[in-house]
Amino acid sequence: MSENLWHAFVIAFAVTCAIGDARWRKIPRAFTTCGVIAGLGFHFWRGDLASAGAASFLGFAVGLAFFQLGAIGGGDVKLMAALGALLGMEPWLVAMQIAVLVAATMAVVQILARGAWRQTLSNMGEIVHALGTQGLKAHPVINVRNAAMIRAPFGVAAAFGTQFAVV
């Protein structure tokens, strides 16, 4: 399989996940599982399984830490692991750096549009205080599972990062 065809597949995967995340706030487990299997299989065939395996593991570990803090949902964890398997370590690191910047930009735009700067700063202070007193666990109210919070679909940001990493 040519590199360009594989990159087209990876971008299509990321865009499909982004659409699901933006529309339904869900990234299906079956889809991300297939992404991990396809990515590891492709990289095994190419001879760089270690890079894909390490990126997938790192994506899962980092994602799980943010999930425990209530910062991202379970689908985002699985997506980070799948993209690690699909991209390999170096492109995955680039994709995630861009994804974080895009997600932050999306959040700032939403905060500005809703005029919620004061509440956002208050929430950030509350989260820092809770982390100091309760340890590394999700705030009981200020977390991604609370529909009243301003949330940005990470799948969309990850699709931008993925496209940037492979083009």
Foldseek 3Di string as FASTA:
>chain_A
DDLVVLLVVLLVLLVVQVVCCVPVVDRDPVSLVVLLVVLLVVCVVVVNNVQLQVQLVVLLVVVVLCVQQQAGDPNSSSNSSSSSSSPGHPLSVQLVVQLVVVQVVVQVVVCVVVVPPVVVVVVVVVSVVCCVVVNRGYDPAPHPVHPVDDGDRSSNSSSVSSNVSSD
